[in-house]
Amino acid sequence: NRSLDRERLAQTLQLRGKLHLDELTGEVELNLTGYSNPNTLQLNLISPTQAEKDRQLVLKRSSTEPDRYVGQLPEAVEGRRFVELLGQQGEQTWRLFEEEKVGPGVELKLGDEAIPGAEEQR
C-alpha cells in the first residue's frame, strides 16, 4: 500500500508539523521538525463531503529558517478537513495525514497520532 509506505517513511524520519492558518491574510505557516527539509511541500486541505472546497497549495521553505514553510490560501478555510502534507526525501515521497478541525487561529499538529493500520508489531 503506497499511502501507508509514505506515512511509514514520515514516521521513520520522525516528522512533525505545526500548521497555522492566518484567517485575515490567508498566510499558511508550517514548522516542520524531523529529518527531512525539502525546498517545497504540498499541502492538501480535503473536505470530507464537498470536493469543491478542497484546497491545494505549495509551501516554500524559508531561506532564513530551514524548518519554516510558508504559503498562501486564496480564502479562509473552516471546518473538518483531511490535512495532507507531502514532501520528497531523495526519490521517495513522505506523507503526514490527519483529520483536523480547521478554523481561525487554530494550530494544527501533524504527525502526532499513530498511523491507522500501521501499529508497531510487538
PDB file of N, CA and C in Angstrom:
ATOM      1  N   ASN A   1       0.849  -1.193   0.000  1.00  0.00           N
ATOM      2  CA  ASN A   1       0.000   0.000   0.000  1.00  0.00           C
ATOM      3  C   ASN A   1       0.883   1.240   0.000  1.00  0.00           C
ATOM      4  N   ARG A   2       0.852   1.978  -1.098  1.00  0.00           N
ATOM      5  CA  ARG A   2       1.762   3.100  -1.275  1.00  0.00           C
ATOM      6  C   ARG A   2       1.552   4.190  -0.241  1.00  0.00           C
ATOM      7  N   SER A   3       0.283   4.456   0.058  1.00  0.00           N
ATOM      8  CA  SER A   3      -0.029   5.513   1.011  1.00  0.00           C
ATOM      9  C   SER A   3       0.549   5.205   2.390  1.00  0.00           C
ATOM     10  N   LEU A   4       0.438   3.939   2.811  1.00  0.00           N
ATOM     11  CA  LEU A   4       0.978   3.538   4.100  1.00  0.00           C
ATOM     12  C   LEU A   4       2.502   3.639   4.105  1.00  0.00           C
ATOM     13  N   ASP A   5       3.131   3.278   2.972  1.00  0.00           N
ATOM     14  CA  ASP A   5       4.594   3.400   2.856  1.00  0.00           C
ATOM     15  C   ASP A   5       5.023   4.848   3.058  1.00  0.00           C
ATOM     16  N   ARG A   6       4.265   5.768   2.470  1.00  0.00           N
ATOM     17  CA  ARG A   6       4.613   7.195   2.602  1.00  0.00           C
ATOM     18  C   ARG A   6       4.472   7.656   4.049  1.00  0.00           C
ATOM     19  N   GLU A   7       3.453   7.133   4.743  1.00  0.00           N
ATOM     20  CA  GLU A   7       3.264   7.513   6.141  1.00  0.00           C
ATOM     21  C   GLU A   7       4.330   6.872   7.032  1.00  0.00           C
ATOM     22  N   ARG A   8       4.713   5.641   6.696  1.00  0.00           N
ATOM     23  CA  ARG A   8       5.784   4.992   7.461  1.00  0.00           C
ATOM     24  C   ARG A   8       7.094   5.731   7.286  1.00  0.00           C
ATOM     25  N   LEU A   9       7.351   6.223   6.061  1.00  0.00           N
ATOM     26  CA  LEU A   9       8.574   6.988   5.813  1.00  0.00           C
ATOM     27  C   LEU A   9       8.584   8.251   6.675  1.00  0.00           C
ATOM     28  N   ALA A  10       7.445   8.934   6.755  1.00  0.00           N
ATOM     29  CA  ALA A  10       7.351  10.140   7.591  1.00  0.00           C
ATOM     30  C   ALA A  10       7.644   9.790   9.050  1.00  0.00           C
ATOM     31  N   GLN A  11       7.166   8.618   9.473  1.00  0.00           N
ATOM     32  CA  GLN A  11       7.390   8.177  10.846  1.00  0.00           C
ATOM     33  C   GLN A  11       8.884   7.891  11.070  1.00  0.00           C
ATOM     34  N   THR A  12       9.495   7.213  10.104  1.00  0.00           N
ATOM     35  CA  THR A  12      10.917   6.886  10.186  1.00  0.00           C
ATOM     36  C   THR A  12      11.756   8.164  10.264  1.00  0.00           C
ATOM     37  N   LEU A  13      11.335   9.178   9.517  1.00  0.00           N
ATOM     38  CA  LEU A  13      12.051  10.464   9.500  1.00  0.00           C
ATOM     39  C   LEU A  13      11.694  11.330  10.709  1.00  0.00           C
ATOM     40  N   GLN A  14      10.809  10.803  11.568  1.00  0.00           N
ATOM     41  CA  GLN A  14      10.372  11.498  12.790  1.00  0.00           C
ATOM     42  C   GLN A  14       9.793  12.878  12.492  1.00  0.00           C
ATOM     43  N   LEU A  15       8.983  12.944  11.468  1.00  0.00           N
ATOM     44  CA  LEU A  15       8.444  14.234  11.042  1.00  0.00           C
ATOM     45  C   LEU A  15       7.233  14.628  11.872  1.00  0.00           C
ATOM     46  N   ARG A  16       7.226  15.894  12.257  1.00  0.00           N
ATOM     47  CA  ARG A  16       6.105  16.501  12.970  1.00  0.00           C
ATOM     48  C   ARG A  16       5.905  17.885  12.364  1.00  0.00           C
ATOM     49  N   GLY A  17       4.652  18.272  12.248  1.00  0.00           N
ATOM     50  CA  GLY A  17       4.385  19.598  11.714  1.00  0.00           C
ATOM     51  C   GLY A  17       3.437  20.359  12.610  1.00  0.00           C
ATOM     52  N   LYS A  18       3.668  21.669  12.692  1.00  0.00           N
ATOM     53  CA  LYS A  18       2.709  22.569  13.350  1.00  0.00           C
ATOM     54  C   LYS A  18       2.265  23.543  12.281  1.00  0.00           C
ATOM     55  N   LEU A  19       0.966  23.539  12.018  1.00  0.00           N
ATOM     56  CA  LEU A  19       0.412  24.308  10.914  1.00  0.00           C
ATOM     57  C   LEU A  19      -0.484  25.405  11.456  1.00  0.00           C
ATOM     58  N   HIS A  20      -0.285  26.615  10.977  1.00  0.00           N
ATOM     59  CA  HIS A  20      -1.097  27.747  11.410  1.00  0.00           C
ATOM     60  C   HIS A  20      -1.639  28.470  10.184  1.00  0.00           C
ATOM     61  N   LEU A  21      -2.964  28.680  10.158  1.00  0.00           N
ATOM     62  CA  LEU A  21      -3.600  29.398   9.056  1.00  0.00           C
ATOM     63  C   LEU A  21      -4.034  30.764   9.570  1.00  0.00           C
ATOM     64  N   ASP A  22      -3.575  31.811   8.911  1.00  0.00           N
ATOM     65  CA  ASP A  22      -3.991  33.165   9.298  1.00  0.00           C
ATOM     66  C   ASP A  22      -5.235  33.533   8.500  1.00  0.00           C
ATOM     67  N   GLU A  23      -6.361  33.642   9.222  1.00  0.00           N
ATOM     68  CA  GLU A  23      -7.630  33.856   8.505  1.00  0.00           C
ATOM     69  C   GLU A  23      -7.730  35.249   7.888  1.00  0.00           C
ATOM     70  N   LEU A  24      -6.953  36.213   8.364  1.00  0.00           N
ATOM     71  CA  LEU A  24      -7.023  37.564   7.808  1.00  0.00           C
ATOM     72  C   LEU A  24      -6.211  37.694   6.528  1.00  0.00           C
ATOM     73  N   THR A  25      -4.971  37.184   6.557  1.00  0.00           N
ATOM     74  CA  THR A  25      -4.092  37.353   5.393  1.00  0.00           C
ATOM     75  C   THR A  25      -4.105  36.148   4.469  1.00  0.00           C
ATOM     76  N   GLY A  26      -4.613  35.009   4.960  1.00  0.00           N
ATOM     77  CA  GLY A  26      -4.570  33.786   4.164  1.00  0.00           C
ATOM     78  C   GLY A  26      -3.214  33.109   4.213  1.00  0.00           C
ATOM     79  N   GLU A  27      -2.276  33.670   4.998  1.00  0.00           N
ATOM     80  CA  GLU A  27      -0.953  33.054   5.063  1.00  0.00           C
ATOM     81  C   GLU A  27      -1.012  31.725   5.803  1.00  0.00           C
ATOM     82  N   VAL A  28      -0.315  30.764   5.264  1.00  0.00           N
ATOM     83  CA  VAL A  28      -0.195  29.446   5.881  1.00  0.00           C
ATOM     84  C   VAL A  28       1.254  29.302   6.321  1.00  0.00           C
ATOM     85  N   GLU A  29       1.439  28.958   7.575  1.00  0.00           N
ATOM     86  CA  GLU A  29       2.790  28.799   8.098  1.00  0.00           C
ATOM     87  C   GLU A  29       2.910  27.414   8.709  1.00  0.00           C
ATOM     88  N   LEU A  30       3.971  26.718   8.355  1.00  0.00           N
ATOM     89  CA  LEU A  30       4.205  25.371   8.868  1.00  0.00           C
ATOM     90  C   LEU A  30       5.609  25.303   9.447  1.00  0.00           C
ATOM     91  N   ASN A  31       5.712  24.790  10.666  1.00  0.00           N
ATOM     92  CA  ASN A  31       7.016  24.463  11.232  1.00  0.00           C
ATOM     93  C   ASN A  31       7.162  22.960  11.169  1.00  0.00           C
ATOM     94  N   LEU A  32       8.214  22.499  10.511  1.00  0.00           N
ATOM     95  CA  LEU A  32       8.437  21.070  10.322  1.00  0.00           C
ATOM     96  C   LEU A  32       9.677  20.653  11.091  1.00  0.00           C
ATOM     97  N   THR A  33       9.539  19.627  11.916  1.00  0.00           N
ATOM     98  CA  THR A  33      10.705  19.083  12.600  1.00  0.00           C
ATOM     99  C   THR A  33      10.887  17.639  12.161  1.00  0.00           C
ATOM    100  N   GLY A  34      12.121  17.160  12.236  1.00  0.00           N
ATOM    101  CA  GLY A  34      12.434  15.799  11.816  1.00  0.00           C
ATOM    102  C   GLY A  34      13.578  15.820  10.828  1.00  0.00           C
ATOM    103  N   TYR A  35      13.743  14.707  10.132  1.00  0.00           N
ATOM    104  CA  TYR A  35      14.926  14.533   9.282  1.00  0.00           C
ATOM    105  C   TYR A  35      14.622  14.688   7.808  1.00  0.00           C
ATOM    106  N   SER A  36      13.885  15.714   7.455  1.00  0.00           N
ATOM    107  CA  SER A  36      13.613  15.997   6.045  1.00  0.00           C
ATOM    108  C   SER A  36      13.288  17.481   5.934  1.00  0.00           C
ATOM    109  N   ASN A  37      13.922  18.165   5.008  1.00  0.00           N
ATOM    110  CA  ASN A  37      13.535  19.567   4.775  1.00  0.00           C
ATOM    111  C   ASN A  37      13.675  19.937   3.296  1.00  0.00           C
ATOM    112  N   PRO A  38      12.739  19.402   2.487  1.00  0.00           N
ATOM    113  CA  PRO A  38      12.746  19.729   1.057  1.00  0.00           C
ATOM    114  C   PRO A  38      12.463  21.213   0.830  1.00  0.00           C
ATOM    115  N   ASN A  39      12.748  21.691  -0.370  1.00  0.00           N
ATOM    116  CA  ASN A  39      12.537  23.111  -0.672  1.00  0.00           C
ATOM    117  C   ASN A  39      11.061  23.486  -0.679  1.00  0.00           C
ATOM    118  N   THR A  40      10.225  22.534  -1.093  1.00  0.00           N
ATOM    119  CA  THR A  40       8.786  22.806  -1.131  1.00  0.00           C
ATOM    120  C   THR A  40       8.034  21.599  -0.579  1.00  0.00           C
ATOM    121  N   LEU A  41       6.848  21.885  -0.058  1.00  0.00           N
ATOM    122  CA  LEU A  41       5.937  20.849   0.416  1.00  0.00           C
ATOM    123  C   LEU A  41       4.596  21.081  -0.255  1.00  0.00           C
ATOM    124  N   GLN A  42       3.834  20.025  -0.428  1.00  0.00           N
ATOM    125  CA  GLN A  42       2.473  20.188  -0.932  1.00  0.00           C
ATOM    126  C   GLN A  42       1.510  19.979   0.215  1.00  0.00           C
ATOM    127  N   LEU A  43       0.618  20.946   0.412  1.00  0.00           N
ATOM    128  CA  LEU A  43      -0.399  20.863   1.448  1.00  0.00           C
ATOM    129  C   LEU A  43      -1.755  20.740   0.776  1.00  0.00           C
ATOM    130  N   ASN A  44      -2.485  19.688   1.143  1.00  0.00           N
ATOM    131  CA  ASN A  44      -3.840  19.483   0.637  1.00  0.00           C
ATOM    132  C   ASN A  44      -4.809  19.552   1.807  1.00  0.00           C
ATOM    133  N   LEU A  45      -5.796  20.422   1.687  1.00  0.00           N
ATOM    134  CA  LEU A  45      -6.870  20.513   2.683  1.00  0.00           C
ATOM    135  C   LEU A  45      -8.106  19.944   2.000  1.00  0.00           C
ATOM    136  N   ILE A  46      -8.497  18.754   2.422  1.00  0.00           N
ATOM    137  CA  ILE A  46      -9.510  17.994   1.702  1.00  0.00           C
ATOM    138  C   ILE A  46     -10.795  17.957   2.526  1.00  0.00           C
ATOM    139  N   SER A  47     -11.875  18.426   1.920  1.00  0.00           N
ATOM    140  CA  SER A  47     -13.176  18.382   2.588  1.00  0.00           C
ATOM    141  C   SER A  47     -13.733  16.971   2.498  1.00  0.00           C
ATOM    142  N   PRO A  48     -14.188  16.409   3.649  1.00  0.00           N
ATOM    143  CA  PRO A  48     -14.724  15.047   3.600  1.00  0.00           C
ATOM    144  C   PRO A  48     -15.988  14.919   2.752  1.00  0.00           C
ATOM    145  N   THR A  49     -16.705  16.019   2.565  1.00  0.00           N
ATOM    146  CA  THR A  49     -18.004  15.914   1.891  1.00  0.00           C
ATOM    147  C   THR A  49     -18.148  16.787   0.648  1.00  0.00           C
ATOM    148  N   GLN A  50     -17.364  17.857   0.532  1.00  0.00           N
ATOM    149  CA  GLN A  50     -17.567  18.806  -0.569  1.00  0.00           C
ATOM    150  C   GLN A  50     -16.264  19.031  -1.335  1.00  0.00           C
ATOM    151  N   ALA A  51     -16.126  18.315  -2.443  1.00  0.00           N
ATOM    152  CA  ALA A  51     -14.876  18.362  -3.219  1.00  0.00           C
ATOM    153  C   ALA A  51     -14.539  19.784  -3.688  1.00  0.00           C
ATOM    154  N   GLU A  52     -15.566  20.600  -3.915  1.00  0.00           N
ATOM    155  CA  GLU A  52     -15.288  21.968  -4.392  1.00  0.00           C
ATOM    156  C   GLU A  52     -14.601  22.822  -3.329  1.00  0.00           C
ATOM    157  N   LYS A  53     -14.612  22.342  -2.085  1.00  0.00           N
ATOM    158  CA  LYS A  53     -13.940  23.089  -1.017  1.00  0.00           C
ATOM    159  C   LYS A  53     -12.508  22.604  -0.779  1.00  0.00           C
ATOM    160  N   ASP A  54     -12.076  21.598  -1.544  1.00  0.00           N
ATOM    161  CA  ASP A  54     -10.692  21.127  -1.411  1.00  0.00           C
ATOM    162  C   ASP A  54      -9.735  22.235  -1.833  1.00  0.00           C
ATOM    163  N   ARG A  55      -8.626  22.334  -1.127  1.00  0.00           N
ATOM    164  CA  ARG A  55      -7.603  23.337  -1.465  1.00  0.00           C
ATOM    165  C   ARG A  55      -6.244  22.656  -1.507  1.00  0.00           C
ATOM    166  N   GLN A  56      -5.466  23.026  -2.523  1.00  0.00           N
ATOM    167  CA  GLN A  56      -4.089  22.538  -2.641  1.00  0.00           C
ATOM    168  C   GLN A  56      -3.172  23.739  -2.716  1.00  0.00           C
ATOM    169  N   LEU A  57      -2.065  23.675  -1.984  1.00  0.00           N
ATOM    170  CA  LEU A  57      -1.109  24.754  -2.146  1.00  0.00           C
ATOM    171  C   LEU A  57       0.298  24.256  -1.902  1.00  0.00           C
ATOM    172  N   VAL A  58       1.241  24.998  -2.451  1.00  0.00           N
ATOM    173  CA  VAL A  58       2.655  24.685  -2.285  1.00  0.00           C
ATOM    174  C   VAL A  58       3.204  25.575  -1.179  1.00  0.00           C
ATOM    175  N   LEU A  59       3.895  24.969  -0.232  1.00  0.00           N
ATOM    176  CA  LEU A  59       4.565  25.723   0.826  1.00  0.00           C
ATOM    177  C   LEU A  59       6.051  25.762   0.493  1.00  0.00           C
ATOM    178  N   LYS A  60       6.627  26.955   0.557  1.00  0.00           N
ATOM    179  CA  LYS A  60       8.048  27.115   0.238  1.00  0.00           C
ATOM    180  C   LYS A  60       8.858  27.288   1.519  1.00  0.00           C
ATOM    181  N   ARG A  61      10.008  26.645   1.534  1.00  0.00           N
ATOM    182  CA  ARG A  61      10.867  26.724   2.714  1.00  0.00           C
ATOM    183  C   ARG A  61      11.461  28.116   2.830  1.00  0.00           C
ATOM    184  N   SER A  62      11.466  28.636   4.050  1.00  0.00           N
ATOM    185  CA  SER A  62      12.044  29.952   4.325  1.00  0.00           C
ATOM    186  C   SER A  62      13.559  29.880   4.127  1.00  0.00           C
ATOM    187  N   SER A  63      14.125  30.934   3.533  1.00  0.00           N
ATOM    188  CA  SER A  63      15.573  30.940   3.301  1.00  0.00           C
ATOM    189  C   SER A  63      16.336  31.194   4.593  1.00  0.00           C
ATOM    190  N   THR A  64      15.673  31.798   5.579  1.00  0.00           N
ATOM    191  CA  THR A  64      16.367  32.126   6.832  1.00  0.00           C
ATOM    192  C   THR A  64      16.095  31.124   7.945  1.00  0.00           C
ATOM    193  N   GLU A  65      14.924  30.458   7.893  1.00  0.00           N
ATOM    194  CA  GLU A  65      14.582  29.462   8.917  1.00  0.00           C
ATOM    195  C   GLU A  65      14.247  28.151   8.214  1.00  0.00           C
ATOM    196  N   PRO A  66      15.205  27.211   8.184  1.00  0.00           N
ATOM    197  CA  PRO A  66      15.021  25.998   7.381  1.00  0.00           C
ATOM    198  C   PRO A  66      13.864  25.111   7.787  1.00  0.00           C
ATOM    199  N   ASP A  67      13.334  25.270   9.014  1.00  0.00           N
ATOM    200  CA  ASP A  67      12.200  24.420   9.389  1.00  0.00           C
ATOM    201  C   ASP A  67      10.865  25.131   9.217  1.00  0.00           C
ATOM    202  N   ARG A  68      10.881  26.311   8.609  1.00  0.00           N
ATOM    203  CA  ARG A  68       9.658  27.098   8.441  1.00  0.00           C
ATOM    204  C   ARG A  68       9.273  27.156   6.964  1.00  0.00           C
ATOM    205  N   TYR A  69       8.006  26.870   6.705  1.00  0.00           N
ATOM    206  CA  TYR A  69       7.479  26.889   5.344  1.00  0.00           C
ATOM    207  C   TYR A  69       6.289  27.827   5.304  1.00  0.00           C
ATOM    208  N   VAL A  70       6.145  28.553   4.190  1.00  0.00           N
ATOM    209  CA  VAL A  70       5.008  29.466   4.073  1.00  0.00           C
ATOM    210  C   VAL A  70       4.321  29.319   2.717  1.00  0.00           C
ATOM    211  N   GLY A  71       3.035  29.591   2.731  1.00  0.00           N
ATOM    212  CA  GLY A  71       2.232  29.568   1.517  1.00  0.00           C
ATOM    213  C   GLY A  71       1.056  30.503   1.691  1.00  0.00           C
ATOM    214  N   GLN A  72       0.177  30.510   0.695  1.00  0.00           N
ATOM    215  CA  GLN A  72      -0.931  31.461   0.706  1.00  0.00           C
ATOM    216  C   GLN A  72      -2.215  30.765   0.286  1.00  0.00           C
ATOM    217  N   LEU A  73      -3.258  30.925   1.106  1.00  0.00           N
ATOM    218  CA  LEU A  73      -4.588  30.420   0.745  1.00  0.00           C
ATOM    219  C   LEU A  73      -5.396  31.547   0.130  1.00  0.00           C
ATOM    220  N   PRO A  74      -6.185  31.254  -0.912  1.00  0.00           N
ATOM    221  CA  PRO A  74      -6.997  32.310  -1.528  1.00  0.00           C
ATOM    222  C   PRO A  74      -8.115  32.811  -0.622  1.00  0.00           C
ATOM    223  N   GLU A  75      -8.594  31.943   0.297  1.00  0.00           N
ATOM    224  CA  GLU A  75      -9.644  32.389   1.207  1.00  0.00           C
ATOM    225  C   GLU A  75      -9.593  31.542   2.470  1.00  0.00           C
ATOM    226  N   ALA A  76     -10.355  31.962   3.457  1.00  0.00           N
ATOM    227  CA  ALA A  76     -10.355  31.257   4.740  1.00  0.00           C
ATOM    228  C   ALA A  76     -10.916  29.852   4.570  1.00  0.00           C
ATOM    229  N   VAL A  77     -10.378  28.925   5.354  1.00  0.00           N
ATOM    230  CA  VAL A  77     -10.847  27.545   5.352  1.00  0.00           C
ATOM    231  C   VAL A  77     -11.302  27.222   6.772  1.00  0.00           C
ATOM    232  N   GLU A  78     -12.517  26.686   6.882  1.00  0.00           N
ATOM    233  CA  GLU A  78     -13.027  26.327   8.209  1.00  0.00           C
ATOM    234  C   GLU A  78     -13.752  25.000   8.154  1.00  0.00           C
ATOM    235  N   GLY A  79     -13.752  24.312   9.282  1.00  0.00           N
ATOM    236  CA  GLY A  79     -14.498  23.066   9.391  1.00  0.00           C
ATOM    237  C   GLY A  79     -13.574  21.854   9.372  1.00  0.00           C
ATOM    238  N   ARG A  80     -14.170  20.662   9.329  1.00  0.00           N
ATOM    239  CA  ARG A  80     -13.370  19.442   9.323  1.00  0.00           C
ATOM    240  C   ARG A  80     -12.695  19.276   7.967  1.00  0.00           C
ATOM    241  N   ARG A  81     -11.415  18.943   8.012  1.00  0.00           N
ATOM    242  CA  ARG A  81     -10.664  18.702   6.785  1.00  0.00           C
ATOM    243  C   ARG A  81      -9.709  17.543   7.011  1.00  0.00           C
ATOM    244  N   PHE A  82      -9.468  16.802   5.948  1.00  0.00           N
ATOM    245  CA  PHE A  82      -8.330  15.901   5.950  1.00  0.00           C
ATOM    246  C   PHE A  82      -7.139  16.760   5.552  1.00  0.00           C
ATOM    247  N   VAL A  83      -6.140  16.798   6.398  1.00  0.00           N
ATOM    248  CA  VAL A  83      -4.955  17.619   6.151  1.00  0.00           C
ATOM    249  C   VAL A  83      -3.852  16.681   5.703  1.00  0.00           C
ATOM    250  N   GLU A  84      -3.397  16.876   4.464  1.00  0.00           N
ATOM    251  CA  GLU A  84      -2.358  16.012   3.899  1.00  0.00           C
ATOM    252  C   GLU A  84      -1.152  16.874   3.549  1.00  0.00           C
ATOM    253  N   LEU A  85       0.000  16.467   4.063  1.00  0.00           N
ATOM    254  CA  LEU A  85       1.248  17.169   3.777  1.00  0.00           C
ATOM    255  C   LEU A  85       2.174  16.178   3.100  1.00  0.00           C
ATOM    256  N   LEU A  86       2.666  16.554   1.904  1.00  0.00           N
ATOM    257  CA  LEU A  86       3.536  15.674   1.124  1.00  0.00           C
ATOM    258  C   LEU A  86       4.889  16.335   0.909  1.00  0.00           C
ATOM    259  N   GLY A  87       5.950  15.555   1.050  1.00  0.00           N
ATOM    260  CA  GLY A  87       7.294  16.073   0.811  1.00  0.00           C
ATOM    261  C   GLY A  87       8.170  15.002   0.204  1.00  0.00           C
ATOM    262  N   GLN A  88       9.272  15.415  -0.405  1.00  0.00           N
ATOM    263  CA  GLN A  88      10.209  14.480  -1.028  1.00  0.00           C
ATOM    264  C   GLN A  88      11.433  14.311  -0.143  1.00  0.00           C
ATOM    265  N   GLN A  89      11.862  13.074   0.014  1.00  0.00           N
ATOM    266  CA  GLN A  89      13.131  12.777   0.668  1.00  0.00           C
ATOM    267  C   GLN A  89      13.874  11.874  -0.304  1.00  0.00           C
ATOM    268  N   GLY A  90      14.859  12.449  -1.005  1.00  0.00           N
ATOM    269  CA  GLY A  90      15.518  11.693  -2.068  1.00  0.00           C
ATOM    270  C   GLY A  90      14.502  11.361  -3.145  1.00  0.00           C
ATOM    271  N   GLU A  91      14.403  10.080  -3.490  1.00  0.00           N
ATOM    272  CA  GLU A  91      13.464   9.638  -4.533  1.00  0.00           C
ATOM    273  C   GLU A  91      12.089   9.317  -3.968  1.00  0.00           C
ATOM    274  N   GLN A  92      11.961   9.345  -2.647  1.00  0.00           N
ATOM    275  CA  GLN A  92      10.718   8.893  -2.021  1.00  0.00           C
ATOM    276  C   GLN A  92       9.857  10.059  -1.551  1.00  0.00           C
ATOM    277  N   THR A  93       8.558   9.828  -1.537  1.00  0.00           N
ATOM    278  CA  THR A  93       7.610  10.814  -1.019  1.00  0.00           C
ATOM    279  C   THR A  93       7.146  10.366   0.357  1.00  0.00           C
ATOM    280  N   TRP A  94       7.138  11.311   1.295  1.00  0.00           N
ATOM    281  CA  TRP A  94       6.561  11.024   2.610  1.00  0.00           C
ATOM    282  C   TRP A  94       5.253  11.787   2.754  1.00  0.00           C
ATOM    283  N   ARG A  95       4.455  11.351   3.731  1.00  0.00           N
ATOM    284  CA  ARG A  95       3.113  11.919   3.877  1.00  0.00           C
ATOM    285  C   ARG A  95       2.730  11.987   5.350  1.00  0.00           C
ATOM    286  N   LEU A  96       2.253  13.163   5.755  1.00  0.00           N
ATOM    287  CA  LEU A  96       1.583  13.319   7.048  1.00  0.00           C
ATOM    288  C   LEU A  96       0.110  13.537   6.715  1.00  0.00           C
ATOM    289  N   PHE A  97      -0.768  12.817   7.396  1.00  0.00           N
ATOM    290  CA  PHE A  97      -2.185  12.866   7.039  1.00  0.00           C
ATOM    291  C   PHE A  97      -3.025  12.719   8.300  1.00  0.00           C
ATOM    292  N   GLU A  98      -3.863  13.682   8.550  1.00  0.00           N
ATOM    293  CA  GLU A  98      -4.743  13.617   9.712  1.00  0.00           C
ATOM    294  C   GLU A  98      -6.038  14.346   9.421  1.00  0.00           C
ATOM    295  N   GLU A  99      -7.072  13.963  10.161  1.00  0.00           N
ATOM    296  CA  GLU A  99      -8.330  14.706  10.088  1.00  0.00           C
ATOM    297  C   GLU A  99      -8.300  15.726  11.211  1.00  0.00           C
ATOM    298  N   GLU A 100      -8.552  16.970  10.876  1.00  0.00           N
ATOM    299  CA  GLU A 100      -8.457  18.048  11.858  1.00  0.00           C
ATOM    300  C   GLU A 100      -9.626  19.004  11.687  1.00  0.00           C
ATOM    301  N   LYS A 101      -9.927  19.711  12.755  1.00  0.00           N
ATOM    302  CA  LYS A 101     -10.905  20.798  12.681  1.00  0.00           C
ATOM    303  C   LYS A 101     -10.130  22.074  12.404  1.00  0.00           C
ATOM    304  N   VAL A 102     -10.363  22.659  11.254  1.00  0.00           N
ATOM    305  CA  VAL A 102      -9.630  23.845  10.817  1.00  0.00           C
ATOM    306  C   VAL A 102     -10.472  25.070  11.117  1.00  0.00           C
ATOM    307  N   GLY A 103      -9.822  26.114  11.632  1.00  0.00           N
ATOM    308  CA  GLY A 103     -10.554  27.344  11.907  1.00  0.00           C
ATOM    309  C   GLY A 103      -9.599  28.467  12.226  1.00  0.00           C
ATOM    310  N   PRO A 104     -10.136  29.666  12.441  1.00  0.00           N
ATOM    311  CA  PRO A 104      -9.308  30.846  12.714  1.00  0.00           C
ATOM    312  C   PRO A 104      -8.438  30.640  13.944  1.00  0.00           C
ATOM    313  N   GLY A 105      -7.150  30.873  13.769  1.00  0.00           N
ATOM    314  CA  GLY A 105      -6.232  30.860  14.901  1.00  0.00           C
ATOM    315  C   GLY A 105      -5.915  29.487  15.475  1.00  0.00           C
ATOM    316  N   VAL A 106      -6.422  28.430  14.872  1.00  0.00           N
ATOM    317  CA  VAL A 106      -6.171  27.081  15.390  1.00  0.00           C
ATOM    318  C   VAL A 106      -4.809  26.595  14.892  1.00  0.00           C
ATOM    319  N   GLU A 107      -4.009  26.064  15.809  1.00  0.00           N
ATOM    320  CA  GLU A 107      -2.752  25.450  15.387  1.00  0.00           C
ATOM    321  C   GLU A 107      -2.971  23.953  15.243  1.00  0.00           C
ATOM    322  N   LEU A 108      -2.674  23.438  14.064  1.00  0.00           N
ATOM    323  CA  LEU A 108      -2.872  22.018  13.797  1.00  0.00           C
ATOM    324  C   LEU A 108      -1.554  21.297  13.980  1.00  0.00           C
ATOM    325  N   LYS A 109      -1.602  20.172  14.688  1.00  0.00           N
ATOM    326  CA  LYS A 109      -0.399  19.364  14.881  1.00  0.00           C
ATOM    327  C   LYS A 109      -0.492  18.148  13.974  1.00  0.00           C
ATOM    328  N   LEU A 110       0.523  17.957  13.160  1.00  0.00           N
ATOM    329  CA  LEU A 110       0.564  16.836  12.226  1.00  0.00           C
ATOM    330  C   LEU A 110       1.659  15.863  12.650  1.00  0.00           C
ATOM    331  N   GLY A 111       1.370  14.570  12.501  1.00  0.00           N
ATOM    332  CA  GLY A 111       2.377  13.555  12.808  1.00  0.00           C
ATOM    333  C   GLY A 111       2.391  13.145  14.261  1.00  0.00           C
ATOM    334  N   ASP A 112       1.428  13.639  15.047  1.00  0.00           N
ATOM    335  CA  ASP A 112       1.427  13.304  16.475  1.00  0.00           C
ATOM    336  C   ASP A 112       0.497  12.132  16.794  1.00  0.00           C
ATOM    337  N   GLU A 113      -0.203  11.611  15.773  1.00  0.00           N
ATOM    338  CA  GLU A 113      -1.112  10.487  16.011  1.00  0.00           C
ATOM    339  C   GLU A 113      -0.555   9.254  15.356  1.00  0.00           C
ATOM    340  N   ALA A 114      -0.877   8.087  15.918  1.00  0.00           N
ATOM    341  CA  ALA A 114      -0.439   6.819  15.325  1.00  0.00           C
ATOM    342  C   ALA A 114      -1.099   6.659  13.964  1.00  0.00           C
ATOM    343  N   ILE A 115      -0.396   6.002  13.064  1.00  0.00           N
ATOM    344  CA  ILE A 115      -0.944   5.741  11.737  1.00  0.00           C
ATOM    345  C   ILE A 115      -1.937   4.588  11.849  1.00  0.00           C
ATOM    346  N   PRO A 116      -3.181   4.798  11.426  1.00  0.00           N
ATOM    347  CA  PRO A 116      -4.157   3.698  11.478  1.00  0.00           C
ATOM    348  C   PRO A 116      -3.658   2.548  10.626  1.00  0.00           C
ATOM    349  N   GLY A 117      -3.711   1.343  11.174  1.00  0.00           N
ATOM    350  CA  GLY A 117      -3.315   0.169  10.403  1.00  0.00           C
ATOM    351  C   GLY A 117      -1.818  -0.058  10.370  1.00  0.00           C
ATOM    352  N   ALA A 118      -1.040   0.802  11.021  1.00  0.00           N
ATOM    353  CA  ALA A 118       0.417   0.629  10.996  1.00  0.00           C
ATOM    354  C   ALA A 118       0.982   0.545  12.405  1.00  0.00           C
ATOM    355  N   GLU A 119       0.153   0.040  13.327  1.00  0.00           N
ATOM    356  CA  GLU A 119       0.645  -0.080  14.701  1.00  0.00           C
ATOM    357  C   GLU A 119       1.864  -0.996  14.712  1.00  0.00           C
ATOM    358  N   GLU A 120       2.793  -0.672  15.570  1.00  0.00           N
ATOM    359  CA  GLU A 120       4.004  -1.496  15.658  1.00  0.00           C
ATOM    360  C   GLU A 120       3.646  -2.903  16.086  1.00  0.00           C
ATOM    361  N   GLN A 121       4.255  -3.879  15.437  1.00  0.00           N
ATOM    362  CA  GLN A 121       4.068  -5.278  15.835  1.00  0.00           C
ATOM    363  C   GLN A 121       4.912  -5.513  17.094  1.00  0.00           C
ATOM    364  N   ARG A 122       4.321  -6.098  18.092  1.00  0.00           N
ATOM    365  CA  ARG A 122       5.076  -6.358  19.325  1.00  0.00           C
ATOM    366  C   ARG A 122       5.701  -7.744  19.282  1.00  0.00           C
TER     367      ARG A 122
END
